[in-house]
Amino acid sequence: HCMYCSHCAPCPVKISVADVTKFLNLAKAQGHVPET
């Protein structure tokens, strides 16, 4: 389970893994991708 702790950083191509995962979880929780 992702805890958004950012231990995954740094990414060699500079992706903010915690932020991407957070938005992924938001979309999955809603069952679609809210515009915001």
PDB file of all heavy atoms in Angstrom:
ATOM      1  N   HIS A   1       0.843  -1.200   0.000  1.00  0.00           N
ATOM      2  CA  HIS A   1       0.000   0.000   0.000  1.00  0.00           C
ATOM      3  C   HIS A   1       0.875   1.246   0.000  1.00  0.00           C
ATOM      4  O   HIS A   1       1.727   1.418   0.869  1.00  0.00           O
ATOM      5  CB  HIS A   1      -0.899   0.009   1.237  1.00  0.00           C
ATOM      6  CG  HIS A   1      -1.900   1.120   1.229  1.00  0.00           C
ATOM      7  ND1 HIS A   1      -3.147   0.986   0.666  1.00  0.00           N
ATOM      8  CD2 HIS A   1      -1.824   2.376   1.688  1.00  0.00           C
ATOM      9  CE1 HIS A   1      -3.801   2.120   0.797  1.00  0.00           C
ATOM     10  NE2 HIS A   1      -3.018   2.976   1.416  1.00  0.00           N
ATOM     11  N   CYS A   2       0.668   2.143  -0.961  1.00  0.00           N
ATOM     12  CA  CYS A   2       1.442   3.379  -1.025  1.00  0.00           C
ATOM     13  C   CYS A   2       1.053   4.301   0.121  1.00  0.00           C
ATOM     14  O   CYS A   2      -0.120   4.631   0.303  1.00  0.00           O
ATOM     15  CB  CYS A   2       1.212   4.090  -2.362  1.00  0.00           C
ATOM     16  SG  CYS A   2       2.163   5.635  -2.504  1.00  0.00           S
ATOM     17  N   MET A   3       2.039   4.733   0.886  1.00  0.00           N
ATOM     18  CA  MET A   3       1.811   5.616   2.030  1.00  0.00           C
ATOM     19  C   MET A   3       2.167   7.057   1.705  1.00  0.00           C
ATOM     20  O   MET A   3       2.169   7.912   2.584  1.00  0.00           O
ATOM     21  CB  MET A   3       2.649   5.141   3.221  1.00  0.00           C
ATOM     22  CG  MET A   3       2.360   3.708   3.649  1.00  0.00           C
ATOM     23  SD  MET A   3       0.668   3.476   4.178  1.00  0.00           S
ATOM     24  CE  MET A   3       0.652   4.411   5.688  1.00  0.00           C
ATOM     25  N   TYR A   4       2.509   7.347   0.437  1.00  0.00           N
ATOM     26  CA  TYR A   4       2.893   8.704   0.008  1.00  0.00           C
ATOM     27  C   TYR A   4       4.078   9.233   0.818  1.00  0.00           C
ATOM     28  O   TYR A   4       4.169  10.425   1.105  1.00  0.00           O
ATOM     29  CB  TYR A   4       1.704   9.678   0.108  1.00  0.00           C
ATOM     30  CG  TYR A   4       0.427   9.156  -0.501  1.00  0.00           C
ATOM     31  CD1 TYR A   4      -0.754   9.127   0.223  1.00  0.00           C
ATOM     32  CD2 TYR A   4       0.390   8.687  -1.807  1.00  0.00           C
ATOM     33  CE1 TYR A   4      -1.929   8.650  -0.317  1.00  0.00           C
ATOM     34  CE2 TYR A   4      -0.782   8.206  -2.372  1.00  0.00           C
ATOM     35  CZ  TYR A   4      -1.945   8.188  -1.616  1.00  0.00           C
ATOM     36  OH  TYR A   4      -3.102   7.711  -2.166  1.00  0.00           O
ATOM     37  N   CYS A   5       4.976   8.324   1.214  1.00  0.00           N
ATOM     38  CA  CYS A   5       6.088   8.721   2.071  1.00  0.00           C
ATOM     39  C   CYS A   5       7.277   9.255   1.272  1.00  0.00           C
ATOM     40  O   CYS A   5       8.210   9.820   1.845  1.00  0.00           O
ATOM     41  CB  CYS A   5       6.536   7.539   2.934  1.00  0.00           C
ATOM     42  SG  CYS A   5       7.288   6.159   2.010  1.00  0.00           S
ATOM     43  N   SER A   6       7.272   9.048  -0.049  1.00  0.00           N
ATOM     44  CA  SER A   6       8.300   9.540  -0.978  1.00  0.00           C
ATOM     45  C   SER A   6       9.665   8.864  -0.815  1.00  0.00           C
ATOM     46  O   SER A   6      10.671   9.393  -1.288  1.00  0.00           O
ATOM     47  CB  SER A   6       8.443  11.062  -0.867  1.00  0.00           C
ATOM     48  OG  SER A   6       7.271  11.700  -1.319  1.00  0.00           O
ATOM     49  N   HIS A   7       9.702   7.699  -0.195  1.00  0.00           N
ATOM     50  CA  HIS A   7      10.962   6.962  -0.143  1.00  0.00           C
ATOM     51  C   HIS A   7      11.352   6.459  -1.526  1.00  0.00           C
ATOM     52  O   HIS A   7      12.513   6.111  -1.740  1.00  0.00           O
ATOM     53  CB  HIS A   7      10.839   5.779   0.830  1.00  0.00           C
ATOM     54  CG  HIS A   7      11.218   6.125   2.231  1.00  0.00           C
ATOM     55  ND1 HIS A   7      12.379   5.721   2.825  1.00  0.00           N
ATOM     56  CD2 HIS A   7      10.581   6.893   3.151  1.00  0.00           C
ATOM     57  CE1 HIS A   7      12.446   6.180   4.056  1.00  0.00           C
ATOM     58  NE2 HIS A   7      11.359   6.904   4.277  1.00  0.00           N
ATOM     59  N   CYS A   8      10.410   6.435  -2.436  1.00  0.00           N
ATOM     60  CA  CYS A   8      10.696   5.986  -3.804  1.00  0.00           C
ATOM     61  C   CYS A   8      11.585   6.974  -4.560  1.00  0.00           C
ATOM     62  O   CYS A   8      12.235   6.613  -5.532  1.00  0.00           O
ATOM     63  CB  CYS A   8       9.392   5.783  -4.560  1.00  0.00           C
ATOM     64  SG  CYS A   8       8.264   7.198  -4.459  1.00  0.00           S
ATOM     65  N   ALA A   9      11.594   8.226  -4.146  1.00  0.00           N
ATOM     66  CA  ALA A   9      12.379   9.259  -4.821  1.00  0.00           C
ATOM     67  C   ALA A   9      13.872   9.085  -4.489  1.00  0.00           C
ATOM     68  O   ALA A   9      14.218   8.512  -3.458  1.00  0.00           O
ATOM     69  CB  ALA A   9      11.885  10.634  -4.389  1.00  0.00           C
ATOM     70  N   PRO A  10      14.754   9.573  -5.381  1.00  0.00           N
ATOM     71  CA  PRO A  10      14.457  10.290  -6.621  1.00  0.00           C
ATOM     72  C   PRO A  10      14.287   9.352  -7.812  1.00  0.00           C
ATOM     73  O   PRO A  10      14.933   8.305  -7.885  1.00  0.00           O
ATOM     74  CB  PRO A  10      15.704  11.155  -6.815  1.00  0.00           C
ATOM     75  CG  PRO A  10      16.811  10.318  -6.231  1.00  0.00           C
ATOM     76  CD  PRO A  10      16.201   9.580  -5.063  1.00  0.00           C
ATOM     77  N   CYS A  11      13.423   9.744  -8.715  1.00  0.00           N
ATOM     78  CA  CYS A  11      13.223   9.002  -9.952  1.00  0.00           C
ATOM     79  C   CYS A  11      14.227   9.494 -10.988  1.00  0.00           C
ATOM     80  O   CYS A  11      14.408  10.710 -11.135  1.00  0.00           O
ATOM     81  CB  CYS A  11      11.795   9.235 -10.446  1.00  0.00           C
ATOM     82  SG  CYS A  11      11.472   8.665 -12.122  1.00  0.00           S
ATOM     83  N   PRO A  12      14.874   8.596 -11.731  1.00  0.00           N
ATOM     84  CA  PRO A  12      15.880   9.036 -12.712  1.00  0.00           C
ATOM     85  C   PRO A  12      15.314   9.918 -13.825  1.00  0.00           C
ATOM     86  O   PRO A  12      16.046  10.701 -14.430  1.00  0.00           O
ATOM     87  CB  PRO A  12      16.450   7.723 -13.261  1.00  0.00           C
ATOM     88  CG  PRO A  12      15.456   6.680 -12.913  1.00  0.00           C
ATOM     89  CD  PRO A  12      14.802   7.137 -11.646  1.00  0.00           C
ATOM     90  N   VAL A  13      13.995   9.799 -14.096  1.00  0.00           N
ATOM     91  CA  VAL A  13      13.400  10.683 -15.101  1.00  0.00           C
ATOM     92  C   VAL A  13      12.505  11.737 -14.433  1.00  0.00           C
ATOM     93  O   VAL A  13      11.695  12.381 -15.078  1.00  0.00           O
ATOM     94  CB  VAL A  13      12.607   9.879 -16.163  1.00  0.00           C
ATOM     95  CG1 VAL A  13      13.553   9.043 -16.995  1.00  0.00           C
ATOM     96  CG2 VAL A  13      11.527   9.016 -15.534  1.00  0.00           C
ATOM     97  N   LYS A  14      12.667  11.882 -13.113  1.00  0.00           N
ATOM     98  CA  LYS A  14      12.068  12.973 -12.327  1.00  0.00           C
ATOM     99  C   LYS A  14      10.545  12.923 -12.223  1.00  0.00           C
ATOM    100  O   LYS A  14       9.882  13.948 -12.048  1.00  0.00           O
ATOM    101  CB  LYS A  14      12.520  14.334 -12.870  1.00  0.00           C
ATOM    102  CG  LYS A  14      14.033  14.526 -12.808  1.00  0.00           C
ATOM    103  CD  LYS A  14      14.459  15.895 -13.295  1.00  0.00           C
ATOM    104  CE  LYS A  14      15.978  16.046 -13.185  1.00  0.00           C
ATOM    105  NZ  LYS A  14      16.432  17.382 -13.650  1.00  0.00           N
ATOM    106  N   ILE A  15       9.968  11.720 -12.327  1.00  0.00           N
ATOM    107  CA  ILE A  15       8.533  11.575 -12.067  1.00  0.00           C
ATOM    108  C   ILE A  15       8.301  11.700 -10.561  1.00  0.00           C
ATOM    109  O   ILE A  15       9.035  11.104  -9.763  1.00  0.00           O
ATOM    110  CB  ILE A  15       8.019  10.205 -12.552  1.00  0.00           C
ATOM    111  CG1 ILE A  15       8.186  10.062 -14.059  1.00  0.00           C
ATOM    112  CG2 ILE A  15       6.563   9.987 -12.160  1.00  0.00           C
ATOM    113  CD1 ILE A  15       7.936   8.651 -14.567  1.00  0.00           C
ATOM    114  N   SER A  16       7.308  12.471 -10.165  1.00  0.00           N
ATOM    115  CA  SER A  16       6.898  12.510  -8.757  1.00  0.00           C
ATOM    116  C   SER A  16       5.979  11.314  -8.526  1.00  0.00           C
ATOM    117  O   SER A  16       4.764  11.389  -8.713  1.00  0.00           O
ATOM    118  CB  SER A  16       6.172  13.822  -8.428  1.00  0.00           C
ATOM    119  OG  SER A  16       5.699  13.788  -7.097  1.00  0.00           O
ATOM    120  N   VAL A  17       6.582  10.201  -8.140  1.00  0.00           N
ATOM    121  CA  VAL A  17       5.853   8.938  -8.034  1.00  0.00           C
ATOM    122  C   VAL A  17       4.704   9.043  -7.036  1.00  0.00           C
ATOM    123  O   VAL A  17       3.598   8.549  -7.281  1.00  0.00           O
ATOM    124  CB  VAL A  17       6.811   7.793  -7.640  1.00  0.00           C
ATOM    125  CG1 VAL A  17       6.033   6.518  -7.341  1.00  0.00           C
ATOM    126  CG2 VAL A  17       7.823   7.553  -8.756  1.00  0.00           C
ATOM    127  N   ALA A  18       4.946   9.703  -5.898  1.00  0.00           N
ATOM    128  CA  ALA A  18       3.896   9.822  -4.877  1.00  0.00           C
ATOM    129  C   ALA A  18       2.699  10.588  -5.414  1.00  0.00           C
ATOM    130  O   ALA A  18       1.543  10.207  -5.187  1.00  0.00           O
ATOM    131  CB  ALA A  18       4.449  10.500  -3.628  1.00  0.00           C
ATOM    132  N   ASP A  19       2.938  11.677  -6.161  1.00  0.00           N
ATOM    133  CA  ASP A  19       1.830  12.469  -6.709  1.00  0.00           C
ATOM    134  C   ASP A  19       1.060  11.689  -7.771  1.00  0.00           C
ATOM    135  O   ASP A  19      -0.173  11.712  -7.802  1.00  0.00           O
ATOM    136  CB  ASP A  19       2.354  13.777  -7.306  1.00  0.00           C
ATOM    137  CG  ASP A  19       2.709  14.810  -6.242  1.00  0.00           C
ATOM    138  OD1 ASP A  19       2.116  14.743  -5.140  1.00  0.00           O
ATOM    139  OD2 ASP A  19       3.575  15.655  -6.499  1.00  0.00           O
ATOM    140  N   VAL A  20       1.783  11.025  -8.665  1.00  0.00           N
ATOM    141  CA  VAL A  20       1.113  10.227  -9.695  1.00  0.00           C
ATOM    142  C   VAL A  20       0.252   9.147  -9.043  1.00  0.00           C
ATOM    143  O   VAL A  20      -0.902   8.923  -9.440  1.00  0.00           O
ATOM    144  CB  VAL A  20       2.143   9.589 -10.657  1.00  0.00           C
ATOM    145  CG1 VAL A  20       1.454   8.571 -11.569  1.00  0.00           C
ATOM    146  CG2 VAL A  20       2.822  10.662 -11.501  1.00  0.00           C
ATOM    147  N   THR A  21       0.797   8.490  -8.020  1.00  0.00           N
ATOM    148  CA  THR A  21       0.048   7.430  -7.334  1.00  0.00           C
ATOM    149  C   THR A  21      -1.182   7.995  -6.638  1.00  0.00           C
ATOM    150  O   THR A  21      -2.259   7.375  -6.637  1.00  0.00           O
ATOM    151  CB  THR A  21       0.947   6.709  -6.317  1.00  0.00           C
ATOM    152  OG1 THR A  21       2.133   6.255  -6.979  1.00  0.00           O
ATOM    153  CG2 THR A  21       0.230   5.522  -5.709  1.00  0.00           C
ATOM    154  N   LYS A  22      -1.033   9.169  -6.052  1.00  0.00           N
ATOM    155  CA  LYS A  22      -2.164   9.797  -5.357  1.00  0.00           C
ATOM    156  C   LYS A  22      -3.289  10.096  -6.349  1.00  0.00           C
ATOM    157  O   LYS A  22      -4.465   9.820  -6.078  1.00  0.00           O
ATOM    158  CB  LYS A  22      -1.709  11.080  -4.666  1.00  0.00           C
ATOM    159  CG  LYS A  22      -2.743  11.696  -3.744  1.00  0.00           C
ATOM    160  CD  LYS A  22      -2.173  12.885  -2.973  1.00  0.00           C
ATOM    161  CE  LYS A  22      -1.206  12.448  -1.909  1.00  0.00           C
ATOM    162  NZ  LYS A  22      -0.788  13.557  -1.019  1.00  0.00           N
ATOM    163  N   PHE A  23      -2.941  10.631  -7.525  1.00  0.00           N
ATOM    164  CA  PHE A  23      -3.976  10.938  -8.524  1.00  0.00           C
ATOM    165  C   PHE A  23      -4.566   9.656  -9.105  1.00  0.00           C
ATOM    166  O   PHE A  23      -5.756   9.597  -9.418  1.00  0.00           O
ATOM    167  CB  PHE A  23      -3.400  11.821  -9.635  1.00  0.00           C
ATOM    168  CG  PHE A  23      -2.971  13.189  -9.157  1.00  0.00           C
ATOM    169  CD1 PHE A  23      -1.786  13.766  -9.591  1.00  0.00           C
ATOM    170  CD2 PHE A  23      -3.751  13.902  -8.260  1.00  0.00           C
ATOM    171  CE1 PHE A  23      -1.381  15.015  -9.152  1.00  0.00           C
ATOM    172  CE2 PHE A  23      -3.366  15.156  -7.808  1.00  0.00           C
ATOM    173  CZ  PHE A  23      -2.178  15.709  -8.251  1.00  0.00           C
ATOM    174  N   LEU A  24      -3.743   8.621  -9.240  1.00  0.00           N
ATOM    175  CA  LEU A  24      -4.245   7.323  -9.695  1.00  0.00           C
ATOM    176  C   LEU A  24      -5.273   6.789  -8.709  1.00  0.00           C
ATOM    177  O   LEU A  24      -6.354   6.326  -9.112  1.00  0.00           O
ATOM    178  CB  LEU A  24      -3.081   6.342  -9.828  1.00  0.00           C
ATOM    179  CG  LEU A  24      -3.448   4.872 -10.090  1.00  0.00           C
ATOM    180  CD1 LEU A  24      -4.165   4.712 -11.422  1.00  0.00           C
ATOM    181  CD2 LEU A  24      -2.191   3.992 -10.040  1.00  0.00           C
ATOM    182  N   ASN A  25      -4.967   6.852  -7.427  1.00  0.00           N
ATOM    183  CA  ASN A  25      -5.897   6.362  -6.409  1.00  0.00           C
ATOM    184  C   ASN A  25      -7.182   7.176  -6.366  1.00  0.00           C
ATOM    185  O   ASN A  25      -8.263   6.632  -6.123  1.00  0.00           O
ATOM    186  CB  ASN A  25      -5.220   6.362  -5.032  1.00  0.00           C
ATOM    187  CG  ASN A  25      -4.169   5.274  -4.909  1.00  0.00           C
ATOM    188  OD1 ASN A  25      -4.181   4.307  -5.666  1.00  0.00           O
ATOM    189  ND2 ASN A  25      -3.260   5.425  -3.973  1.00  0.00           N
ATOM    190  N   LEU A  26      -7.061   8.480  -6.589  1.00  0.00           N
ATOM    191  CA  LEU A  26      -8.254   9.330  -6.652  1.00  0.00           C
ATOM    192  C   LEU A  26      -9.177   8.882  -7.778  1.00  0.00           C
ATOM    193  O   LEU A  26     -10.390   8.761  -7.599  1.00  0.00           O
ATOM    194  CB  LEU A  26      -7.857  10.794  -6.867  1.00  0.00           C
ATOM    195  CG  LEU A  26      -7.453  11.598  -5.639  1.00  0.00           C
ATOM    196  CD1 LEU A  26      -6.797  12.902  -6.068  1.00  0.00           C
ATOM    197  CD2 LEU A  26      -8.656  11.890  -4.768  1.00  0.00           C
ATOM    198  N   ALA A  27      -8.591   8.643  -8.952  1.00  0.00           N
ATOM    199  CA  ALA A  27      -9.381   8.226 -10.105  1.00  0.00           C
ATOM    200  C   ALA A  27     -10.018   6.859  -9.867  1.00  0.00           C
ATOM    201  O   ALA A  27     -11.188   6.639 -10.194  1.00  0.00           O
ATOM    202  CB  ALA A  27      -8.506   8.201 -11.360  1.00  0.00           C
ATOM    203  N   LYS A  28      -9.268   5.947  -9.277  1.00  0.00           N
ATOM    204  CA  LYS A  28      -9.796   4.602  -9.013  1.00  0.00           C
ATOM    205  C   LYS A  28     -10.922   4.645  -7.982  1.00  0.00           C
ATOM    206  O   LYS A  28     -11.910   3.931  -8.089  1.00  0.00           O
ATOM    207  CB  LYS A  28      -8.668   3.687  -8.546  1.00  0.00           C
ATOM    208  CG  LYS A  28      -7.698   3.315  -9.669  1.00  0.00           C
ATOM    209  CD  LYS A  28      -6.415   2.709  -9.158  1.00  0.00           C
ATOM    210  CE  LYS A  28      -6.602   1.351  -8.550  1.00  0.00           C
ATOM    211  NZ  LYS A  28      -5.303   0.737  -8.164  1.00  0.00           N
ATOM    212  N   ALA A  29     -10.769   5.506  -6.982  1.00  0.00           N
ATOM    213  CA  ALA A  29     -11.798   5.612  -5.947  1.00  0.00           C
ATOM    214  C   ALA A  29     -13.105   6.155  -6.515  1.00  0.00           C
ATOM    215  O   ALA A  29     -14.198   5.775  -6.083  1.00  0.00           O
ATOM    216  CB  ALA A  29     -11.311   6.510  -4.808  1.00  0.00           C
ATOM    217  N   GLN A  30     -13.002   7.038  -7.518  1.00  0.00           N
ATOM    218  CA  GLN A  30     -14.199   7.641  -8.109  1.00  0.00           C
ATOM    219  C   GLN A  30     -14.797   6.784  -9.223  1.00  0.00           C
ATOM    220  O   GLN A  30     -15.944   6.991  -9.613  1.00  0.00           O
ATOM    221  CB  GLN A  30     -13.854   9.029  -8.671  1.00  0.00           C
ATOM    222  CG  GLN A  30     -13.499  10.054  -7.611  1.00  0.00           C
ATOM    223  CD  GLN A  30     -14.655  10.348  -6.696  1.00  0.00           C
ATOM    224  OE1 GLN A  30     -15.702  10.801  -7.118  1.00  0.00           O
ATOM    225  NE2 GLN A  30     -14.484  10.050  -5.416  1.00  0.00           N
ATOM    226  N   GLY A  31     -14.002   5.849  -9.739  1.00  0.00           N
ATOM    227  CA  GLY A  31     -14.495   5.024 -10.842  1.00  0.00           C
ATOM    228  C   GLY A  31     -14.397   5.730 -12.184  1.00  0.00           C
ATOM    229  O   GLY A  31     -14.799   5.190 -13.210  1.00  0.00           O
ATOM    230  N   HIS A  32     -13.855   6.951 -12.187  1.00  0.00           N
ATOM    231  CA  HIS A  32     -13.614   7.712 -13.407  1.00  0.00           C
ATOM    232  C   HIS A  32     -12.589   8.786 -13.052  1.00  0.00           C
ATOM    233  O   HIS A  32     -12.149   8.881 -11.912  1.00  0.00           O
ATOM    234  CB  HIS A  32     -14.905   8.352 -13.928  1.00  0.00           C
ATOM    235  CG  HIS A  32     -15.444   9.442 -13.069  1.00  0.00           C
ATOM    236  ND1 HIS A  32     -16.102   9.177 -11.865  1.00  0.00           N
ATOM    237  CD2 HIS A  32     -15.405  10.790 -13.184  1.00  0.00           C
ATOM    238  CE1 HIS A  32     -16.448  10.319 -11.307  1.00  0.00           C
ATOM    239  NE2 HIS A  32     -16.041  11.308 -12.077  1.00  0.00           N
ATOM    240  N   VAL A  33     -12.214   9.596 -14.029  1.00  0.00           N
ATOM    241  CA  VAL A  33     -11.230  10.644 -13.770  1.00  0.00           C
ATOM    242  C   VAL A  33     -11.951  11.987 -13.642  1.00  0.00           C
ATOM    243  O   VAL A  33     -12.356  12.579 -14.654  1.00  0.00           O
ATOM    244  CB  VAL A  33     -10.179  10.716 -14.898  1.00  0.00           C
ATOM    245  CG1 VAL A  33      -9.130  11.774 -14.557  1.00  0.00           C
ATOM    246  CG2 VAL A  33      -9.515   9.365 -15.101  1.00  0.00           C
ATOM    247  N   PRO A  34     -12.142  12.489 -12.421  1.00  0.00           N
ATOM    248  CA  PRO A  34     -12.751  13.814 -12.265  1.00  0.00           C
ATOM    249  C   PRO A  34     -11.897  14.877 -12.956  1.00  0.00           C
ATOM    250  O   PRO A  34     -10.663  14.754 -13.020  1.00  0.00           O
ATOM    251  CB  PRO A  34     -12.755  14.022 -10.744  1.00  0.00           C
ATOM    252  CG  PRO A  34     -12.672  12.652 -10.164  1.00  0.00           C
ATOM    253  CD  PRO A  34     -11.834  11.861 -11.124  1.00  0.00           C
ATOM    254  N   GLU A  35     -12.530  15.896 -13.479  1.00  0.00           N
ATOM    255  CA  GLU A  35     -11.815  16.922 -14.238  1.00  0.00           C
ATOM    256  C   GLU A  35     -10.726  17.580 -13.409  1.00  0.00           C
ATOM    257  O   GLU A  35      -9.638  17.875 -13.908  1.00  0.00           O
ATOM    258  CB  GLU A  35     -12.795  17.977 -14.752  1.00  0.00           C
ATOM    259  CG  GLU A  35     -12.209  18.878 -15.833  1.00  0.00           C
ATOM    260  CD  GLU A  35     -11.699  18.093 -17.045  1.00  0.00           C
ATOM    261  OE1 GLU A  35     -12.330  17.082 -17.421  1.00  0.00           O
ATOM    262  OE2 GLU A  35     -10.653  18.496 -17.597  1.00  0.00           O
ATOM    263  N   THR A  36     -11.009  17.824 -12.124  1.00  0.00           N
ATOM    264  CA  THR A  36     -10.004  18.468 -11.277  1.00  0.00           C
ATOM    265  C   THR A  36      -8.780  17.580 -11.101  1.00  0.00           C
ATOM    266  O   THR A  36      -7.640  18.066 -11.071  1.00  0.00           O
ATOM    267  CB  THR A  36     -10.588  18.812  -9.890  1.00  0.00           C
ATOM    268  OG1 THR A  36     -11.165  17.623  -9.326  1.00  0.00           O
ATOM    269  CG2 THR A  36     -11.639  19.897  -9.998  1.00  0.00           C
TER     270      THR A  36
END
